[in-house]
Structure formats: C-alpha cells, structure tokens
PDB file of all heavy atoms in Angstrom:
ATOM      1  N   PHE A   1       0.834  -1.204   0.000  1.00  0.00           N
ATOM      2  CA  PHE A   1       0.000   0.000   0.000  1.00  0.00           C
ATOM      3  C   PHE A   1       0.869   1.255   0.000  1.00  0.00           C
ATOM      4  O   PHE A   1       0.619   2.206  -0.733  1.00  0.00           O
ATOM      5  CB  PHE A   1      -0.905  -0.003   1.238  1.00  0.00           C
ATOM      6  CG  PHE A   1      -1.860   1.157   1.309  1.00  0.00           C
ATOM      7  CD1 PHE A   1      -3.146   1.040   0.802  1.00  0.00           C
ATOM      8  CD2 PHE A   1      -1.477   2.365   1.883  1.00  0.00           C
ATOM      9  CE1 PHE A   1      -4.034   2.113   0.871  1.00  0.00           C
ATOM     10  CE2 PHE A   1      -2.344   3.438   1.949  1.00  0.00           C
ATOM     11  CZ  PHE A   1      -3.639   3.300   1.438  1.00  0.00           C
ATOM     12  N   LEU A   2       1.922   1.256   0.819  1.00  0.00           N
ATOM     13  CA  LEU A   2       2.764   2.437   0.945  1.00  0.00           C
ATOM     14  C   LEU A   2       3.821   2.548  -0.138  1.00  0.00           C
ATOM     15  O   LEU A   2       4.382   3.609  -0.351  1.00  0.00           O
ATOM     16  CB  LEU A   2       3.479   2.415   2.305  1.00  0.00           C
ATOM     17  CG  LEU A   2       2.603   2.655   3.529  1.00  0.00           C
ATOM     18  CD1 LEU A   2       3.381   2.318   4.776  1.00  0.00           C
ATOM     19  CD2 LEU A   2       2.136   4.094   3.576  1.00  0.00           C
ATOM     20  N   GLY A   3       4.111   1.436  -0.818  1.00  0.00           N
ATOM     21  CA  GLY A   3       5.239   1.436  -1.735  1.00  0.00           C
ATOM     22  C   GLY A   3       6.522   1.622  -0.960  1.00  0.00           C
ATOM     23  O   GLY A   3       7.315   2.523  -1.189  1.00  0.00           O
ATOM     24  N   ALA A   4       6.758   0.719   0.001  1.00  0.00           N
ATOM     25  CA  ALA A   4       7.835   0.913   0.986  1.00  0.00           C
ATOM     26  C   ALA A   4       9.203   1.060   0.352  1.00  0.00           C
ATOM     27  O   ALA A   4      10.031   1.835   0.807  1.00  0.00           O
ATOM     28  CB  ALA A   4       7.848  -0.260   1.965  1.00  0.00           C
ATOM     29  N   ARG A   5       9.483   0.305  -0.709  1.00  0.00           N
ATOM     30  CA  ARG A   5      10.816   0.376  -1.300  1.00  0.00           C
ATOM     31  C   ARG A   5      11.085   1.764  -1.846  1.00  0.00           C
ATOM     32  O   ARG A   5      12.204   2.235  -1.860  1.00  0.00           O
ATOM     33  CB  ARG A   5      10.940  -0.661  -2.419  1.00  0.00           C
ATOM     34  CG  ARG A   5      10.938  -2.088  -1.892  1.00  0.00           C
ATOM     35  CD  ARG A   5      11.022  -3.077  -3.029  1.00  0.00           C
ATOM     36  NE  ARG A   5      10.983  -4.439  -2.533  1.00  0.00           N
ATOM     37  CZ  ARG A   5      10.881  -5.506  -3.304  1.00  0.00           C
ATOM     38  NH1 ARG A   5      10.821  -5.378  -4.601  1.00  0.00           N
ATOM     39  NH2 ARG A   5      10.859  -6.712  -2.788  1.00  0.00           N
ATOM     40  N   GLN A   6      10.037   2.425  -2.319  1.00  0.00           N
ATOM     41  CA  GLN A   6      10.225   3.758  -2.879  1.00  0.00           C
ATOM     42  C   GLN A   6      10.313   4.797  -1.771  1.00  0.00           C
ATOM     43  O   GLN A   6      11.079   5.737  -1.841  1.00  0.00           O
ATOM     44  CB  GLN A   6       9.049   4.090  -3.817  1.00  0.00           C
ATOM     45  CG  GLN A   6       9.150   5.441  -4.492  1.00  0.00           C
ATOM     46  CD  GLN A   6      10.261   5.515  -5.510  1.00  0.00           C
ATOM     47  OE1 GLN A   6      11.016   4.582  -5.700  1.00  0.00           O
ATOM     48  NE2 GLN A   6      10.377   6.642  -6.171  1.00  0.00           N
ATOM     49  N   SER A   7       9.509   4.636  -0.721  1.00  0.00           N
ATOM     50  CA  SER A   7       9.464   5.670   0.307  1.00  0.00           C
ATOM     51  C   SER A   7      10.669   5.639   1.224  1.00  0.00           C
ATOM     52  O   SER A   7      11.014   6.616   1.845  1.00  0.00           O
ATOM     53  CB  SER A   7       8.199   5.518   1.152  1.00  0.00           C
ATOM     54  OG  SER A   7       8.289   4.365   1.960  1.00  0.00           O
ATOM     55  N   GLY A   8      11.327   4.459   1.349  1.00  0.00           N
ATOM     56  CA  GLY A   8      12.495   4.357   2.199  1.00  0.00           C
ATOM     57  C   GLY A   8      12.187   4.094   3.652  1.00  0.00           C
ATOM     58  O   GLY A   8      13.067   4.150   4.499  1.00  0.00           O
ATOM     59  N   LEU A   9      10.942   3.822   3.993  1.00  0.00           N
ATOM     60  CA  LEU A   9      10.581   3.590   5.390  1.00  0.00           C
ATOM     61  C   LEU A   9      10.932   2.180   5.841  1.00  0.00           C
ATOM     62  O   LEU A   9      10.703   1.232   5.103  1.00  0.00           O
ATOM     63  CB  LEU A   9       9.067   3.774   5.571  1.00  0.00           C
ATOM     64  CG  LEU A   9       8.550   5.199   5.612  1.00  0.00           C
ATOM     65  CD1 LEU A   9       7.038   5.176   5.599  1.00  0.00           C
ATOM     66  CD2 LEU A   9       9.029   5.902   6.855  1.00  0.00           C
ATOM     67  N   PRO A  10      11.451   2.032   7.077  1.00  0.00           N
ATOM     68  CA  PRO A  10      11.581   0.685   7.615  1.00  0.00           C
ATOM     69  C   PRO A  10      10.186   0.103   7.836  1.00  0.00           C
ATOM     70  O   PRO A  10       9.371   0.697   8.532  1.00  0.00           O
ATOM     71  CB  PRO A  10      12.306   0.910   8.951  1.00  0.00           C
ATOM     72  CG  PRO A  10      12.782   2.319   8.939  1.00  0.00           C
ATOM     73  CD  PRO A  10      11.912   3.064   8.000  1.00  0.00           C
ATOM     74  N   MET A  11       9.905  -1.037   7.252  1.00  0.00           N
ATOM     75  CA  MET A  11       8.576  -1.627   7.364  1.00  0.00           C
ATOM     76  C   MET A  11       8.454  -2.457   8.629  1.00  0.00           C
ATOM     77  O   MET A  11       9.427  -2.984   9.152  1.00  0.00           O
ATOM     78  CB  MET A  11       8.286  -2.503   6.140  1.00  0.00           C
ATOM     79  CG  MET A  11       8.249  -1.738   4.838  1.00  0.00           C
ATOM     80  SD  MET A  11       7.046  -0.389   4.842  1.00  0.00           S
ATOM     81  CE  MET A  11       5.528  -1.315   5.058  1.00  0.00           C
ATOM     82  N   LEU A  12       7.234  -2.552   9.138  1.00  0.00           N
ATOM     83  CA  LEU A  12       6.960  -3.414  10.276  1.00  0.00           C
ATOM     84  C   LEU A  12       7.033  -4.870   9.830  1.00  0.00           C
ATOM     85  O   LEU A  12       6.486  -5.235   8.797  1.00  0.00           O
ATOM     86  CB  LEU A  12       5.573  -3.106  10.844  1.00  0.00           C
ATOM     87  CG  LEU A  12       5.411  -1.714  11.468  1.00  0.00           C
ATOM     88  CD1 LEU A  12       3.948  -1.433  11.743  1.00  0.00           C
ATOM     89  CD2 LEU A  12       6.235  -1.586  12.740  1.00  0.00           C
ATOM     90  N   ARG A  13       7.706  -5.703  10.617  1.00  0.00           N
ATOM     91  CA  ARG A  13       7.855  -7.119  10.268  1.00  0.00           C
ATOM     92  C   ARG A  13       6.783  -7.984  10.921  1.00  0.00           C
ATOM     93  O   ARG A  13       6.366  -8.997  10.367  1.00  0.00           O
ATOM     94  CB  ARG A  13       9.236  -7.613  10.700  1.00  0.00           C
ATOM     95  CG  ARG A  13      10.381  -6.985   9.951  1.00  0.00           C
ATOM     96  CD  ARG A  13      11.711  -7.233  10.658  1.00  0.00           C
ATOM     97  NE  ARG A  13      11.964  -8.662  10.847  1.00  0.00           N
ATOM     98  CZ  ARG A  13      12.911  -9.139  11.645  1.00  0.00           C
ATOM     99  NH1 ARG A  13      13.663  -8.306  12.335  1.00  0.00           N
ATOM    100  NH2 ARG A  13      13.099 -10.438  11.757  1.00  0.00           N
ATOM    101  N   PHE A  14       6.380  -7.613  12.131  1.00  0.00           N
ATOM    102  CA  PHE A  14       5.506  -8.487  12.901  1.00  0.00           C
ATOM    103  C   PHE A  14       4.123  -7.885  13.146  1.00  0.00           C
ATOM    104  O   PHE A  14       3.122  -8.584  13.111  1.00  0.00           O
ATOM    105  CB  PHE A  14       6.157  -8.818  14.256  1.00  0.00           C
ATOM    106  CG  PHE A  14       7.558  -9.342  14.125  1.00  0.00           C
ATOM    107  CD1 PHE A  14       8.639  -8.641  14.636  1.00  0.00           C
ATOM    108  CD2 PHE A  14       7.808 -10.537  13.466  1.00  0.00           C
ATOM    109  CE1 PHE A  14       9.931  -9.115  14.502  1.00  0.00           C
ATOM    110  CE2 PHE A  14       9.100 -11.024  13.326  1.00  0.00           C
ATOM    111  CZ  PHE A  14      10.161 -10.310  13.846  1.00  0.00           C
ATOM    112  N   ALA A  15       4.072  -6.598  13.403  1.00  0.00           N
ATOM    113  CA  ALA A  15       2.799  -5.952  13.718  1.00  0.00           C
ATOM    114  C   ALA A  15       2.087  -5.513  12.447  1.00  0.00           C
ATOM    115  O   ALA A  15       2.712  -5.214  11.437  1.00  0.00           O
ATOM    116  CB  ALA A  15       3.032  -4.751  14.631  1.00  0.00           C
ATOM    117  N   ASP A  16       0.771  -5.460  12.522  1.00  0.00           N
ATOM    118  CA  ASP A  16      -0.077  -4.955  11.448  1.00  0.00           C
ATOM    119  C   ASP A  16      -0.911  -3.830  12.049  1.00  0.00           C
ATOM    120  O   ASP A  16      -1.759  -4.082  12.901  1.00  0.00           O
ATOM    121  CB  ASP A  16      -0.975  -6.072  10.919  1.00  0.00           C
ATOM    122  CG  ASP A  16      -1.862  -5.622   9.764  1.00  0.00           C
ATOM    123  OD1 ASP A  16      -2.287  -4.452   9.768  1.00  0.00           O
ATOM    124  OD2 ASP A  16      -2.151  -6.441   8.879  1.00  0.00           O
ATOM    125  N   PRO A  17      -0.668  -2.564  11.650  1.00  0.00           N
ATOM    126  CA  PRO A  17      -1.377  -1.449  12.280  1.00  0.00           C
ATOM    127  C   PRO A  17      -2.893  -1.598  12.256  1.00  0.00           C
ATOM    128  O   PRO A  17      -3.572  -1.164  13.193  1.00  0.00           O
ATOM    129  CB  PRO A  17      -0.928  -0.227  11.457  1.00  0.00           C
ATOM    130  CG  PRO A  17       0.379  -0.627  10.883  1.00  0.00           C
ATOM    131  CD  PRO A  17       0.277  -2.102  10.618  1.00  0.00           C
ATOM    132  N   GLU A  18      -3.432  -2.208  11.205  1.00  0.00           N
ATOM    133  CA  GLU A  18      -4.880  -2.356  11.097  1.00  0.00           C
ATOM    134  C   GLU A  18      -5.396  -3.403  12.085  1.00  0.00           C
ATOM    135  O   GLU A  18      -6.357  -3.172  12.809  1.00  0.00           O
ATOM    136  CB  GLU A  18      -5.243  -2.746   9.661  1.00  0.00           C
ATOM    137  CG  GLU A  18      -6.728  -2.666   9.339  1.00  0.00           C
ATOM    138  CD  GLU A  18      -7.234  -1.246   9.152  1.00  0.00           C
ATOM    139  OE1 GLU A  18      -6.429  -0.286   9.184  1.00  0.00           O
ATOM    140  OE2 GLU A  18      -8.444  -1.097   8.991  1.00  0.00           O
ATOM    141  N   LYS A  19      -4.730  -4.566  12.124  1.00  0.00           N
ATOM    142  CA  LYS A  19      -5.179  -5.645  13.010  1.00  0.00           C
ATOM    143  C   LYS A  19      -4.792  -5.394  14.463  1.00  0.00           C
ATOM    144  O   LYS A  19      -5.465  -5.864  15.377  1.00  0.00           O
ATOM    145  CB  LYS A  19      -4.582  -6.978  12.546  1.00  0.00           C
ATOM    146  CG  LYS A  19      -5.071  -7.436  11.187  1.00  0.00           C
ATOM    147  CD  LYS A  19      -4.374  -8.725  10.764  1.00  0.00           C
ATOM    148  CE  LYS A  19      -4.808  -9.150   9.373  1.00  0.00           C
ATOM    149  NZ  LYS A  19      -4.049 -10.345   8.900  1.00  0.00           N
ATOM    150  N   ASP A  20      -3.687  -4.683  14.662  1.00  0.00           N
ATOM    151  CA  ASP A  20      -3.170  -4.476  16.016  1.00  0.00           C
ATOM    152  C   ASP A  20      -3.376  -3.035  16.472  1.00  0.00           C
ATOM    153  O   ASP A  20      -2.492  -2.427  17.095  1.00  0.00           O
ATOM    154  CB  ASP A  20      -1.675  -4.826  16.055  1.00  0.00           C
ATOM    155  CG  ASP A  20      -1.414  -6.278  15.690  1.00  0.00           C
ATOM    156  OD1 ASP A  20      -2.105  -7.154  16.235  1.00  0.00           O
ATOM    157  OD2 ASP A  20      -0.525  -6.529  14.858  1.00  0.00           O
ATOM    158  N   GLU A  21      -4.554  -2.486  16.191  1.00  0.00           N
ATOM    159  CA  GLU A  21      -4.807  -1.079  16.487  1.00  0.00           C
ATOM    160  C   GLU A  21      -4.714  -0.789  17.988  1.00  0.00           C
ATOM    161  O   GLU A  21      -4.212   0.258  18.395  1.00  0.00           O
ATOM    162  CB  GLU A  21      -6.177  -0.655  15.951  1.00  0.00           C
ATOM    163  CG  GLU A  21      -6.416   0.834  16.060  1.00  0.00           C
ATOM    164  CD  GLU A  21      -7.672   1.291  15.348  1.00  0.00           C
ATOM    165  OE1 GLU A  21      -8.299   0.484  14.630  1.00  0.00           O
ATOM    166  OE2 GLU A  21      -8.031   2.469  15.523  1.00  0.00           O
ATOM    167  N   GLU A  22      -5.196  -1.719  18.826  1.00  0.00           N
ATOM    168  CA  GLU A  22      -5.118  -1.506  20.275  1.00  0.00           C
ATOM    169  C   GLU A  22      -3.667  -1.439  20.739  1.00  0.00           C
ATOM    170  O   GLU A  22      -3.300  -0.597  21.570  1.00  0.00           O
ATOM    171  CB  GLU A  22      -5.860  -2.617  21.015  1.00  0.00           C
ATOM    172  CG  GLU A  22      -7.375  -2.504  20.943  1.00  0.00           C
ATOM    173  CD  GLU A  22      -8.074  -3.528  21.820  1.00  0.00           C
ATOM    174  OE1 GLU A  22      -7.428  -4.053  22.752  1.00  0.00           O
ATOM    175  OE2 GLU A  22      -9.251  -3.801  21.587  1.00  0.00           O
ATOM    176  N   LEU A  23      -2.833  -2.332  20.205  1.00  0.00           N
ATOM    177  CA  LEU A  23      -1.408  -2.293  20.551  1.00  0.00           C
ATOM    178  C   LEU A  23      -0.763  -0.994  20.066  1.00  0.00           C
ATOM    179  O   LEU A  23       0.100  -0.427  20.739  1.00  0.00           O
ATOM    180  CB  LEU A  23      -0.684  -3.487  19.918  1.00  0.00           C
ATOM    181  CG  LEU A  23      -0.747  -4.825  20.640  1.00  0.00           C
ATOM    182  CD1 LEU A  23      -0.018  -5.886  19.818  1.00  0.00           C
ATOM    183  CD2 LEU A  23      -0.142  -4.741  22.032  1.00  0.00           C
ATOM    184  N   LEU A  24      -1.180  -0.537  18.897  1.00  0.00           N
ATOM    185  CA  LEU A  24      -0.644   0.708  18.350  1.00  0.00           C
ATOM    186  C   LEU A  24      -0.989   1.881  19.261  1.00  0.00           C
ATOM    187  O   LEU A  24      -0.140   2.735  19.549  1.00  0.00           O
ATOM    188  CB  LEU A  24      -1.191   0.928  16.938  1.00  0.00           C
ATOM    189  CG  LEU A  24      -0.821   2.230  16.232  1.00  0.00           C
ATOM    190  CD1 LEU A  24       0.694   2.398  16.138  1.00  0.00           C
ATOM    191  CD2 LEU A  24      -1.432   2.264  14.830  1.00  0.00           C
ATOM    192  N   GLU A  25      -2.228   1.939  19.740  1.00  0.00           N
ATOM    193  CA  GLU A  25      -2.632   3.004  20.659  1.00  0.00           C
ATOM    194  C   GLU A  25      -1.795   2.949  21.939  1.00  0.00           C
ATOM    195  O   GLU A  25      -1.353   3.977  22.454  1.00  0.00           O
ATOM    196  CB  GLU A  25      -4.122   2.858  20.996  1.00  0.00           C
ATOM    197  CG  GLU A  25      -5.069   3.162  19.843  1.00  0.00           C
ATOM    198  CD  GLU A  25      -5.307   4.644  19.647  1.00  0.00           C
ATOM    199  OE1 GLU A  25      -4.569   5.460  20.238  1.00  0.00           O
ATOM    200  OE2 GLU A  25      -6.223   4.996  18.884  1.00  0.00           O
ATOM    201  N   ALA A  26      -1.597   1.728  22.448  1.00  0.00           N
ATOM    202  CA  ALA A  26      -0.797   1.572  23.669  1.00  0.00           C
ATOM    203  C   ALA A  26       0.647   2.009  23.430  1.00  0.00           C
ATOM    204  O   ALA A  26       1.262   2.666  24.283  1.00  0.00           O
ATOM    205  CB  ALA A  26      -0.849   0.120  24.135  1.00  0.00           C
ATOM    206  N   ALA A  27       1.206   1.663  22.266  1.00  0.00           N
ATOM    207  CA  ALA A  27       2.589   2.040  21.954  1.00  0.00           C
ATOM    208  C   ALA A  27       2.728   3.556  21.833  1.00  0.00           C
ATOM    209  O   ALA A  27       3.767   4.123  22.226  1.00  0.00           O
ATOM    210  CB  ALA A  27       3.033   1.350  20.665  1.00  0.00           C
ATOM    211  N   ARG A  28       1.714   4.217  21.296  1.00  0.00           N
ATOM    212  CA  ARG A  28       1.757   5.686  21.192  1.00  0.00           C
ATOM    213  C   ARG A  28       1.859   6.323  22.579  1.00  0.00           C
ATOM    214  O   ARG A  28       2.656   7.233  22.815  1.00  0.00           O
ATOM    215  CB  ARG A  28       0.511   6.201  20.470  1.00  0.00           C
ATOM    216  CG  ARG A  28       0.567   6.053  18.958  1.00  0.00           C
ATOM    217  CD  ARG A  28      -0.816   6.150  18.332  1.00  0.00           C
ATOM    218  NE  ARG A  28      -1.464   7.424  18.577  1.00  0.00           N
ATOM    219  CZ  ARG A  28      -1.311   8.527  17.835  1.00  0.00           C
ATOM    220  NH1 ARG A  28      -0.479   8.486  16.798  1.00  0.00           N
ATOM    221  NH2 ARG A  28      -1.960   9.631  18.111  1.00  0.00           N
ATOM    222  N   GLY A  29       1.023   5.807  23.502  1.00  0.00           N
ATOM    223  CA  GLY A  29       1.067   6.330  24.863  1.00  0.00           C
ATOM    224  C   GLY A  29       2.388   6.034  25.552  1.00  0.00           C
ATOM    225  O   GLY A  29       2.960   6.893  26.249  1.00  0.00           O
ATOM    226  N   ALA A  30       2.906   4.814  25.338  1.00  0.00           N
ATOM    227  CA  ALA A  30       4.178   4.431  25.952  1.00  0.00           C
ATOM    228  C   ALA A  30       5.331   5.262  25.394  1.00  0.00           C
ATOM    229  O   ALA A  30       6.281   5.590  26.123  1.00  0.00           O
ATOM    230  CB  ALA A  30       4.434   2.947  25.725  1.00  0.00           C
TER     231      ALA A  30
END
C-alpha cells in the first residue's frame, strides 16, 4: 500500500497497524 521500497521507510515485520490497532494506541502512549 505504501510502496515501501520507494518511500524508504523501515517496514513493520511483525505488527499490522490495522489488526493491532489496540497495541498501536498503547505504543503511542508508551
């Protein structure tokens, strides 16, 4: 979706922001 190779961003290997939204919210607070 992001075209990671072009954007140069390190991609997530294990987490999925869509499926792991609760974990993402917790990580933002942490």
